[in-house]
Each structure stands twice: as C-alpha cells, then as structure tokens.
Amino acid sequence: DVEERHPTSPFVDDTAVIINNIALMCNPYGNRQGEISAI
C-alpha cells in the first residue's frame, strides 16, 4: 500500500538484501524505518 509518511518508499530495493530465501533487513540512510517494517 501507498505510504504517504514515507516519500522514498517506492525504492523498495533499499530495504532488504535477499539471497537464497534469507532477507537481511537494511538500515538505510535517514529516517526510513517505517519502510523497512512494511517490507
């Protein structure tokens, strides 16, 4: 879903590194933790 509080949320590639069914949740620059939660 659209998340107005997070204007950079369409950049989903910043939120996790996924290899072999394991996802490492990232800690991207700035205040983007809300984006991480949805992913």
PDB file of all heavy atoms in Angstrom:
ATOM      1  N   ASP A   1       0.820  -1.213   0.000  1.00  0.00           N
ATOM      2  CA  ASP A   1       0.000   0.000   0.000  1.00  0.00           C
ATOM      3  C   ASP A   1       0.854   1.263   0.000  1.00  0.00           C
ATOM      4  O   ASP A   1       1.968   1.275   0.539  1.00  0.00           O
ATOM      5  CB  ASP A   1      -0.928   0.024   1.216  1.00  0.00           C
ATOM      6  CG  ASP A   1      -2.017  -1.029   1.132  1.00  0.00           C
ATOM      7  OD1 ASP A   1      -2.361  -1.427   0.000  1.00  0.00           O
ATOM      8  OD2 ASP A   1      -2.505  -1.458   2.185  1.00  0.00           O
ATOM      9  N   VAL A   2       0.295   2.320  -0.548  1.00  0.00           N
ATOM     10  CA  VAL A   2       0.949   3.631  -0.562  1.00  0.00           C
ATOM     11  C   VAL A   2       1.155   4.088   0.876  1.00  0.00           C
ATOM     12  O   VAL A   2       0.282   3.916   1.730  1.00  0.00           O
ATOM     13  CB  VAL A   2       0.072   4.658  -1.322  1.00  0.00           C
ATOM     14  CG1 VAL A   2       0.620   6.062  -1.155  1.00  0.00           C
ATOM     15  CG2 VAL A   2      -0.006   4.301  -2.786  1.00  0.00           C
ATOM     16  N   GLU A   3       2.312   4.656   1.143  1.00  0.00           N
ATOM     17  CA  GLU A   3       2.636   5.149   2.476  1.00  0.00           C
ATOM     18  C   GLU A   3       3.064   6.608   2.372  1.00  0.00           C
ATOM     19  O   GLU A   3       4.216   6.903   2.064  1.00  0.00           O
ATOM     20  CB  GLU A   3       3.745   4.293   3.085  1.00  0.00           C
ATOM     21  CG  GLU A   3       4.102   4.641   4.496  1.00  0.00           C
ATOM     22  CD  GLU A   3       2.931   4.557   5.453  1.00  0.00           C
ATOM     23  OE1 GLU A   3       2.401   3.450   5.659  1.00  0.00           O
ATOM     24  OE2 GLU A   3       2.532   5.611   5.998  1.00  0.00           O
ATOM     25  N   GLU A   4       2.117   7.510   2.605  1.00  0.00           N
ATOM     26  CA  GLU A   4       2.388   8.945   2.459  1.00  0.00           C
ATOM     27  C   GLU A   4       3.463   9.454   3.414  1.00  0.00           C
ATOM     28  O   GLU A   4       4.168  10.398   3.105  1.00  0.00           O
ATOM     29  CB  GLU A   4       1.096   9.754   2.653  1.00  0.00           C
ATOM     30  CG  GLU A   4       0.134   9.663   1.501  1.00  0.00           C
ATOM     31  CD  GLU A   4       0.674  10.211   0.182  1.00  0.00           C
ATOM     32  OE1 GLU A   4       1.548  11.095   0.179  1.00  0.00           O
ATOM     33  OE2 GLU A   4       0.229   9.717  -0.860  1.00  0.00           O
ATOM     34  N   ARG A   5       3.608   8.827   4.557  1.00  0.00           N
ATOM     35  CA  ARG A   5       4.620   9.279   5.526  1.00  0.00           C
ATOM     36  C   ARG A   5       6.042   9.015   5.046  1.00  0.00           C
ATOM     37  O   ARG A   5       6.996   9.543   5.617  1.00  0.00           O
ATOM     38  CB  ARG A   5       4.426   8.581   6.879  1.00  0.00           C
ATOM     39  CG  ARG A   5       3.145   8.971   7.578  1.00  0.00           C
ATOM     40  CD  ARG A   5       2.975   8.186   8.854  1.00  0.00           C
ATOM     41  NE  ARG A   5       2.889   6.773   8.500  1.00  0.00           N
ATOM     42  CZ  ARG A   5       3.145   5.773   9.333  1.00  0.00           C
ATOM     43  NH1 ARG A   5       3.508   6.002  10.555  1.00  0.00           N
ATOM     44  NH2 ARG A   5       3.037   4.516   8.918  1.00  0.00           N
ATOM     45  N   HIS A   6       6.162   8.170   4.026  1.00  0.00           N
ATOM     46  CA  HIS A   6       7.494   7.784   3.552  1.00  0.00           C
ATOM     47  C   HIS A   6       7.601   8.028   2.046  1.00  0.00           C
ATOM     48  O   HIS A   6       7.341   7.130   1.243  1.00  0.00           O
ATOM     49  CB  HIS A   6       7.754   6.317   3.877  1.00  0.00           C
ATOM     50  CG  HIS A   6       7.655   6.015   5.329  1.00  0.00           C
ATOM     51  ND1 HIS A   6       8.580   6.453   6.245  1.00  0.00           N
ATOM     52  CD2 HIS A   6       6.708   5.352   6.034  1.00  0.00           C
ATOM     53  CE1 HIS A   6       8.221   6.061   7.443  1.00  0.00           C
ATOM     54  NE2 HIS A   6       7.082   5.399   7.351  1.00  0.00           N
ATOM     55  N   PRO A   7       8.010   9.237   1.644  1.00  0.00           N
ATOM     56  CA  PRO A   7       8.060   9.562   0.212  1.00  0.00           C
ATOM     57  C   PRO A   7       9.035   8.708  -0.588  1.00  0.00           C
ATOM     58  O   PRO A   7       8.867   8.553  -1.790  1.00  0.00           O
ATOM     59  CB  PRO A   7       8.475  11.036   0.194  1.00  0.00           C
ATOM     60  CG  PRO A   7       9.045  11.322   1.528  1.00  0.00           C
ATOM     61  CD  PRO A   7       8.416  10.357   2.484  1.00  0.00           C
ATOM     62  N   THR A   8      10.039   8.128   0.059  1.00  0.00           N
ATOM     63  CA  THR A   8      11.004   7.292  -0.670  1.00  0.00           C
ATOM     64  C   THR A   8      10.628   5.813  -0.665  1.00  0.00           C
ATOM     65  O   THR A   8      11.396   4.979  -1.143  1.00  0.00           O
ATOM     66  CB  THR A   8      12.422   7.462  -0.082  1.00  0.00           C
ATOM     67  OG1 THR A   8      12.378   7.140   1.317  1.00  0.00           O
ATOM     68  CG2 THR A   8      12.945   8.874  -0.263  1.00  0.00           C
ATOM     69  N   SER A   9       9.444   5.486  -0.175  1.00  0.00           N
ATOM     70  CA  SER A   9       9.029   4.077  -0.071  1.00  0.00           C
ATOM     71  C   SER A   9       8.985   3.310  -1.392  1.00  0.00           C
ATOM     72  O   SER A   9       9.148   2.087  -1.371  1.00  0.00           O
ATOM     73  CB  SER A   9       7.691   3.969   0.658  1.00  0.00           C
ATOM     74  OG  SER A   9       6.675   4.661  -0.021  1.00  0.00           O
ATOM     75  N   PRO A  10       8.799   3.947  -2.550  1.00  0.00           N
ATOM     76  CA  PRO A  10       8.859   3.154  -3.787  1.00  0.00           C
ATOM     77  C   PRO A  10      10.233   2.533  -4.059  1.00  0.00           C
ATOM     78  O   PRO A  10      10.344   1.611  -4.855  1.00  0.00           O
ATOM     79  CB  PRO A  10       8.497   4.164  -4.877  1.00  0.00           C
ATOM     80  CG  PRO A  10       7.686   5.191  -4.173  1.00  0.00           C
ATOM     81  CD  PRO A  10       8.316   5.299  -2.805  1.00  0.00           C
ATOM     82  N   PHE A  11      11.270   3.016  -3.382  1.00  0.00           N
ATOM     83  CA  PHE A  11      12.612   2.455  -3.566  1.00  0.00           C
ATOM     84  C   PHE A  11      12.773   1.220  -2.672  1.00  0.00           C
ATOM     85  O   PHE A  11      13.597   1.181  -1.758  1.00  0.00           O
ATOM     86  CB  PHE A  11      13.685   3.501  -3.254  1.00  0.00           C
ATOM     87  CG  PHE A  11      13.588   4.736  -4.096  1.00  0.00           C
ATOM     88  CD1 PHE A  11      13.401   5.978  -3.518  1.00  0.00           C
ATOM     89  CD2 PHE A  11      13.663   4.666  -5.484  1.00  0.00           C
ATOM     90  CE1 PHE A  11      13.304   7.127  -4.294  1.00  0.00           C
ATOM     91  CE2 PHE A  11      13.567   5.808  -6.269  1.00  0.00           C
ATOM     92  CZ  PHE A  11      13.383   7.048  -5.672  1.00  0.00           C
ATOM     93  N   VAL A  12      11.978   0.198  -2.945  1.00  0.00           N
ATOM     94  CA  VAL A  12      11.957  -0.998  -2.108  1.00  0.00           C
ATOM     95  C   VAL A  12      13.293  -1.741  -2.117  1.00  0.00           C
ATOM     96  O   VAL A  12      13.588  -2.494  -1.188  1.00  0.00           O
ATOM     97  CB  VAL A  12      10.805  -1.959  -2.501  1.00  0.00           C
ATOM     98  CG1 VAL A  12       9.458  -1.325  -2.266  1.00  0.00           C
ATOM     99  CG2 VAL A  12      10.941  -2.426  -3.937  1.00  0.00           C
ATOM    100  N   ASP A  13      14.104  -1.534  -3.131  1.00  0.00           N
ATOM    101  CA  ASP A  13      15.396  -2.223  -3.213  1.00  0.00           C
ATOM    102  C   ASP A  13      16.359  -1.797  -2.118  1.00  0.00           C
ATOM    103  O   ASP A  13      17.319  -2.512  -1.833  1.00  0.00           O
ATOM    104  CB  ASP A  13      16.033  -2.028  -4.588  1.00  0.00           C
ATOM    105  CG  ASP A  13      16.273  -0.564  -4.924  1.00  0.00           C
ATOM    106  OD1 ASP A  13      15.424   0.282  -4.589  1.00  0.00           O
ATOM    107  OD2 ASP A  13      17.308  -0.266  -5.549  1.00  0.00           O
ATOM    108  N   ASP A  14      16.112  -0.659  -1.474  1.00  0.00           N
ATOM    109  CA  ASP A  14      16.979  -0.195  -0.393  1.00  0.00           C
ATOM    110  C   ASP A  14      16.707  -0.901   0.926  1.00  0.00           C
ATOM    111  O   ASP A  14      17.498  -0.800   1.852  1.00  0.00           O
ATOM    112  CB  ASP A  14      16.796   1.314  -0.160  1.00  0.00           C
ATOM    113  CG  ASP A  14      17.394   2.154  -1.261  1.00  0.00           C
ATOM    114  OD1 ASP A  14      18.282   1.662  -1.986  1.00  0.00           O
ATOM    115  OD2 ASP A  14      16.972   3.319  -1.396  1.00  0.00           O
ATOM    116  N   THR A  15      15.594  -1.611   1.041  1.00  0.00           N
ATOM    117  CA  THR A  15      15.125  -2.087   2.334  1.00  0.00           C
ATOM    118  C   THR A  15      15.635  -3.465   2.744  1.00  0.00           C
ATOM    119  O   THR A  15      15.639  -3.775   3.944  1.00  0.00           O
ATOM    120  CB  THR A  15      13.589  -2.106   2.372  1.00  0.00           C
ATOM    121  OG1 THR A  15      13.103  -2.973   1.353  1.00  0.00           O
ATOM    122  CG2 THR A  15      13.018  -0.713   2.185  1.00  0.00           C
ATOM    123  N   ALA A  16      16.042  -4.296   1.805  1.00  0.00           N
ATOM    124  CA  ALA A  16      16.479  -5.652   2.154  1.00  0.00           C
ATOM    125  C   ALA A  16      17.435  -6.194   1.103  1.00  0.00           C
ATOM    126  O   ALA A  16      17.343  -5.853  -0.069  1.00  0.00           O
ATOM    127  CB  ALA A  16      15.276  -6.586   2.280  1.00  0.00           C
ATOM    128  N   VAL A  17      18.334  -7.066   1.566  1.00  0.00           N
ATOM    129  CA  VAL A  17      19.188  -7.849   0.679  1.00  0.00           C
ATOM    130  C   VAL A  17      18.692  -9.282   0.804  1.00  0.00           C
ATOM    131  O   VAL A  17      18.649  -9.835   1.910  1.00  0.00           O
ATOM    132  CB  VAL A  17      20.672  -7.757   1.095  1.00  0.00           C
ATOM    133  CG1 VAL A  17      21.530  -8.679   0.233  1.00  0.00           C
ATOM    134  CG2 VAL A  17      21.164  -6.321   1.011  1.00  0.00           C
ATOM    135  N   ILE A  18      18.293  -9.875  -0.304  1.00  0.00           N
ATOM    136  CA  ILE A  18      17.700 -11.208  -0.280  1.00  0.00           C
ATOM    137  C   ILE A  18      18.527 -12.155  -1.138  1.00  0.00           C
ATOM    138  O   ILE A  18      18.713 -11.918  -2.333  1.00  0.00           O
ATOM    139  CB  ILE A  18      16.243 -11.172  -0.794  1.00  0.00           C
ATOM    140  CG1 ILE A  18      15.423 -10.194   0.038  1.00  0.00           C
ATOM    141  CG2 ILE A  18      15.639 -12.574  -0.769  1.00  0.00           C
ATOM    142  CD1 ILE A  18      14.065  -9.883  -0.551  1.00  0.00           C
ATOM    143  N   ILE A  19      19.014 -13.212  -0.486  1.00  0.00           N
ATOM    144  CA  ILE A  19      19.788 -14.233  -1.181  1.00  0.00           C
ATOM    145  C   ILE A  19      19.384 -15.583  -0.597  1.00  0.00           C
ATOM    146  O   ILE A  19      19.390 -15.766   0.627  1.00  0.00           O
ATOM    147  CB  ILE A  19      21.307 -14.011  -1.015  1.00  0.00           C
ATOM    148  CG1 ILE A  19      21.714 -12.649  -1.593  1.00  0.00           C
ATOM    149  CG2 ILE A  19      22.103 -15.146  -1.672  1.00  0.00           C
ATOM    150  CD1 ILE A  19      23.148 -12.244  -1.311  1.00  0.00           C
ATOM    151  N   ASN A  20      19.027 -16.519  -1.470  1.00  0.00           N
ATOM    152  CA  ASN A  20      18.698 -17.884  -1.056  1.00  0.00           C
ATOM    153  C   ASN A  20      17.646 -17.935   0.053  1.00  0.00           C
ATOM    154  O   ASN A  20      17.811 -18.628   1.049  1.00  0.00           O
ATOM    155  CB  ASN A  20      19.963 -18.642  -0.640  1.00  0.00           C
ATOM    156  CG  ASN A  20      20.931 -18.809  -1.784  1.00  0.00           C
ATOM    157  OD1 ASN A  20      20.534 -18.852  -2.948  1.00  0.00           O
ATOM    158  ND2 ASN A  20      22.204 -18.884  -1.476  1.00  0.00           N
ATOM    159  N   ASN A  21      16.580 -17.171  -0.118  1.00  0.00           N
ATOM    160  CA  ASN A  21      15.430 -17.169   0.799  1.00  0.00           C
ATOM    161  C   ASN A  21      15.752 -16.620   2.190  1.00  0.00           C
ATOM    162  O   ASN A  21      15.030 -16.886   3.146  1.00  0.00           O
ATOM    163  CB  ASN A  21      14.796 -18.552   0.897  1.00  0.00           C
ATOM    164  CG  ASN A  21      13.305 -18.458   1.131  1.00  0.00           C
ATOM    165  OD1 ASN A  21      12.626 -17.594   0.583  1.00  0.00           O
ATOM    166  ND2 ASN A  21      12.779 -19.344   1.948  1.00  0.00           N
ATOM    167  N   ILE A  22      16.839 -15.886   2.316  1.00  0.00           N
ATOM    168  CA  ILE A  22      17.172 -15.175   3.549  1.00  0.00           C
ATOM    169  C   ILE A  22      17.180 -13.697   3.218  1.00  0.00           C
ATOM    170  O   ILE A  22      17.810 -13.264   2.245  1.00  0.00           O
ATOM    171  CB  ILE A  22      18.548 -15.585   4.101  1.00  0.00           C
ATOM    172  CG1 ILE A  22      18.561 -17.075   4.434  1.00  0.00           C
ATOM    173  CG2 ILE A  22      18.907 -14.749   5.337  1.00  0.00           C
ATOM    174  CD1 ILE A  22      19.935 -17.612   4.775  1.00  0.00           C
ATOM    175  N   ALA A  23      16.466 -12.919   4.020  1.00  0.00           N
ATOM    176  CA  ALA A  23      16.393 -11.473   3.816  1.00  0.00           C
ATOM    177  C   ALA A  23      17.094 -10.762   4.962  1.00  0.00           C
ATOM    178  O   ALA A  23      16.715 -10.917   6.125  1.00  0.00           O
ATOM    179  CB  ALA A  23      14.936 -11.031   3.743  1.00  0.00           C
ATOM    180  N   LEU A  24      18.114  -9.997   4.637  1.00  0.00           N
ATOM    181  CA  LEU A  24      18.767  -9.127   5.615  1.00  0.00           C
ATOM    182  C   LEU A  24      18.087  -7.773   5.526  1.00  0.00           C
ATOM    183  O   LEU A  24      18.147  -7.111   4.482  1.00  0.00           O
ATOM    184  CB  LEU A  24      20.264  -9.000   5.329  1.00  0.00           C
ATOM    185  CG  LEU A  24      21.020  -7.965   6.176  1.00  0.00           C
ATOM    186  CD1 LEU A  24      20.937  -8.313   7.672  1.00  0.00           C
ATOM    187  CD2 LEU A  24      22.471  -7.863   5.724  1.00  0.00           C
ATOM    188  N   MET A  25      17.418  -7.377   6.585  1.00  0.00           N
ATOM    189  CA  MET A  25      16.745  -6.085   6.602  1.00  0.00           C
ATOM    190  C   MET A  25      17.796  -5.000   6.743  1.00  0.00           C
ATOM    191  O   MET A  25      18.665  -5.075   7.620  1.00  0.00           O
ATOM    192  CB  MET A  25      15.731  -6.012   7.751  1.00  0.00           C
ATOM    193  CG  MET A  25      14.666  -7.107   7.689  1.00  0.00           C
ATOM    194  SD  MET A  25      13.888  -7.354   6.073  1.00  0.00           S
ATOM    195  CE  MET A  25      13.195  -5.748   5.745  1.00  0.00           C
ATOM    196  N   CYS A  26      17.719  -4.024   5.888  1.00  0.00           N
ATOM    197  CA  CYS A  26      18.733  -2.975   5.844  1.00  0.00           C
ATOM    198  C   CYS A  26      18.441  -1.862   6.844  1.00  0.00           C
ATOM    199  O   CYS A  26      17.398  -1.826   7.478  1.00  0.00           O
ATOM    200  CB  CYS A  26      18.810  -2.409   4.423  1.00  0.00           C
ATOM    201  SG  CYS A  26      19.397  -3.622   3.224  1.00  0.00           S
ATOM    202  N   ASN A  27      19.387  -0.974   6.942  1.00  0.00           N
ATOM    203  CA  ASN A  27      19.279   0.213   7.780  1.00  0.00           C
ATOM    204  C   ASN A  27      19.668   1.397   6.901  1.00  0.00           C
ATOM    205  O   ASN A  27      20.748   1.938   7.026  1.00  0.00           O
ATOM    206  CB  ASN A  27      20.213   0.093   8.989  1.00  0.00           C
ATOM    207  CG  ASN A  27      20.036   1.232   9.957  1.00  0.00           C
ATOM    208  OD1 ASN A  27      19.045   1.952   9.908  1.00  0.00           O
ATOM    209  ND2 ASN A  27      20.999   1.409  10.829  1.00  0.00           N
ATOM    210  N   PRO A  28      18.768   1.757   5.965  1.00  0.00           N
ATOM    211  CA  PRO A  28      19.143   2.796   5.006  1.00  0.00           C
ATOM    212  C   PRO A  28      19.276   4.164   5.651  1.00  0.00           C
ATOM    213  O   PRO A  28      18.804   4.408   6.761  1.00  0.00           O
ATOM    214  CB  PRO A  28      18.007   2.764   3.988  1.00  0.00           C
ATOM    215  CG  PRO A  28      16.868   2.154   4.683  1.00  0.00           C
ATOM    216  CD  PRO A  28      17.430   1.247   5.732  1.00  0.00           C
ATOM    217  N   TYR A  29      19.903   5.013   4.909  1.00  0.00           N
ATOM    218  CA  TYR A  29      20.191   6.384   5.322  1.00  0.00           C
ATOM    219  C   TYR A  29      18.902   7.131   5.665  1.00  0.00           C
ATOM    220  O   TYR A  29      17.890   6.989   4.993  1.00  0.00           O
ATOM    221  CB  TYR A  29      20.917   7.085   4.168  1.00  0.00           C
ATOM    222  CG  TYR A  29      21.309   8.503   4.436  1.00  0.00           C
ATOM    223  CD1 TYR A  29      22.424   8.792   5.214  1.00  0.00           C
ATOM    224  CD2 TYR A  29      20.574   9.558   3.913  1.00  0.00           C
ATOM    225  CE1 TYR A  29      22.804  10.096   5.453  1.00  0.00           C
ATOM    226  CE2 TYR A  29      20.947  10.865   4.145  1.00  0.00           C
ATOM    227  CZ  TYR A  29      22.067  11.128   4.916  1.00  0.00           C
ATOM    228  OH  TYR A  29      22.429  12.416   5.158  1.00  0.00           O
ATOM    229  N   GLY A  30      18.969   7.933   6.709  1.00  0.00           N
ATOM    230  CA  GLY A  30      17.829   8.775   7.081  1.00  0.00           C
ATOM    231  C   GLY A  30      16.782   8.023   7.883  1.00  0.00           C
ATOM    232  O   GLY A  30      17.012   6.936   8.394  1.00  0.00           O
ATOM    233  N   ASN A  31      15.620   8.615   7.961  1.00  0.00           N
ATOM    234  CA  ASN A  31      14.523   8.068   8.759  1.00  0.00           C
ATOM    235  C   ASN A  31      13.607   7.223   7.875  1.00  0.00           C
ATOM    236  O   ASN A  31      12.544   7.662   7.476  1.00  0.00           O
ATOM    237  CB  ASN A  31      13.753   9.208   9.430  1.00  0.00           C
ATOM    238  CG  ASN A  31      12.695   8.690  10.364  1.00  0.00           C
ATOM    239  OD1 ASN A  31      12.726   7.526  10.773  1.00  0.00           O
ATOM    240  ND2 ASN A  31      11.750   9.535  10.702  1.00  0.00           N
ATOM    241  N   ARG A  32      14.023   6.002   7.591  1.00  0.00           N
ATOM    242  CA  ARG A  32      13.256   5.153   6.671  1.00  0.00           C
ATOM    243  C   ARG A  32      12.800   3.850   7.336  1.00  0.00           C
ATOM    244  O   ARG A  32      12.412   2.914   6.661  1.00  0.00           O
ATOM    245  CB  ARG A  32      14.100   4.861   5.429  1.00  0.00           C
ATOM    246  CG  ARG A  32      14.423   6.129   4.649  1.00  0.00           C
ATOM    247  CD  ARG A  32      15.233   5.863   3.418  1.00  0.00           C
ATOM    248  NE  ARG A  32      14.468   5.090   2.465  1.00  0.00           N
ATOM    249  CZ  ARG A  32      14.992   4.542   1.367  1.00  0.00           C
ATOM    250  NH1 ARG A  32      16.264   4.704   1.099  1.00  0.00           N
ATOM    251  NH2 ARG A  32      14.237   3.840   0.542  1.00  0.00           N
ATOM    252  N   GLN A  33      12.836   3.793   8.663  1.00  0.00           N
ATOM    253  CA  GLN A  33      12.488   2.548   9.349  1.00  0.00           C
ATOM    254  C   GLN A  33      11.043   2.112   9.090  1.00  0.00           C
ATOM    255  O   GLN A  33      10.754   0.927   9.078  1.00  0.00           O
ATOM    256  CB  GLN A  33      12.757   2.671  10.845  1.00  0.00           C
ATOM    257  CG  GLN A  33      14.237   2.708  11.180  1.00  0.00           C
ATOM    258  CD  GLN A  33      15.009   1.546  10.559  1.00  0.00           C
ATOM    259  OE1 GLN A  33      14.633   0.396  10.719  1.00  0.00           O
ATOM    260  NE2 GLN A  33      16.077   1.854   9.832  1.00  0.00           N
ATOM    261  N   GLY A  34      10.139   3.055   8.872  1.00  0.00           N
ATOM    262  CA  GLY A  34       8.762   2.698   8.540  1.00  0.00           C
ATOM    263  C   GLY A  34       8.676   1.913   7.241  1.00  0.00           C
ATOM    264  O   GLY A  34       7.845   1.018   7.101  1.00  0.00           O
ATOM    265  N   GLU A  35       9.524   2.239   6.312  1.00  0.00           N
ATOM    266  CA  GLU A  35       9.573   1.494   5.047  1.00  0.00           C
ATOM    267  C   GLU A  35      10.052   0.066   5.284  1.00  0.00           C
ATOM    268  O   GLU A  35       9.538  -0.881   4.676  1.00  0.00           O
ATOM    269  CB  GLU A  35      10.538   2.169   4.072  1.00  0.00           C
ATOM    270  CG  GLU A  35      10.133   3.555   3.658  1.00  0.00           C
ATOM    271  CD  GLU A  35      11.203   4.225   2.823  1.00  0.00           C
ATOM    272  OE1 GLU A  35      11.819   3.547   1.967  1.00  0.00           O
ATOM    273  OE2 GLU A  35      11.430   5.426   3.017  1.00  0.00           O
ATOM    274  N   ILE A  36      10.998  -0.087   6.174  1.00  0.00           N
ATOM    275  CA  ILE A  36      11.562  -1.400   6.473  1.00  0.00           C
ATOM    276  C   ILE A  36      10.490  -2.307   7.069  1.00  0.00           C
ATOM    277  O   ILE A  36      10.395  -3.485   6.730  1.00  0.00           O
ATOM    278  CB  ILE A  36      12.755  -1.275   7.452  1.00  0.00           C
ATOM    279  CG1 ILE A  36      13.812  -0.318   6.922  1.00  0.00           C
ATOM    280  CG2 ILE A  36      13.345  -2.637   7.778  1.00  0.00           C
ATOM    281  CD1 ILE A  36      14.407  -0.676   5.612  1.00  0.00           C
ATOM    282  N   SER A  37       9.666  -1.765   7.938  1.00  0.00           N
ATOM    283  CA  SER A  37       8.629  -2.559   8.603  1.00  0.00           C
ATOM    284  C   SER A  37       7.661  -3.190   7.609  1.00  0.00           C
ATOM    285  O   SER A  37       7.314  -4.373   7.730  1.00  0.00           O
ATOM    286  CB  SER A  37       7.851  -1.697   9.594  1.00  0.00           C
ATOM    287  OG  SER A  37       8.694  -1.235  10.603  1.00  0.00           O
ATOM    288  N   ALA A  38       7.220  -2.426   6.631  1.00  0.00           N
ATOM    289  CA  ALA A  38       6.270  -2.951   5.643  1.00  0.00           C
ATOM    290  C   ALA A  38       6.890  -4.072   4.821  1.00  0.00           C
ATOM    291  O   ALA A  38       6.249  -5.088   4.561  1.00  0.00           O
ATOM    292  CB  ALA A  38       5.785  -1.823   4.729  1.00  0.00           C
ATOM    293  N   ILE A  39       8.143  -3.909   4.445  1.00  0.00           N
ATOM    294  CA  ILE A  39       8.821  -4.940   3.661  1.00  0.00           C
ATOM    295  C   ILE A  39       9.069  -6.179   4.525  1.00  0.00           C
ATOM    296  O   ILE A  39       8.861  -7.313   4.079  1.00  0.00           O
ATOM    297  CB  ILE A  39      10.150  -4.412   3.071  1.00  0.00           C
ATOM    298  CG1 ILE A  39       9.889  -3.249   2.125  1.00  0.00           C
ATOM    299  CG2 ILE A  39      10.927  -5.524   2.385  1.00  0.00           C
ATOM    300  CD1 ILE A  39       9.085  -3.586   0.891  1.00  0.00           C
TER     301      ILE A  39
END
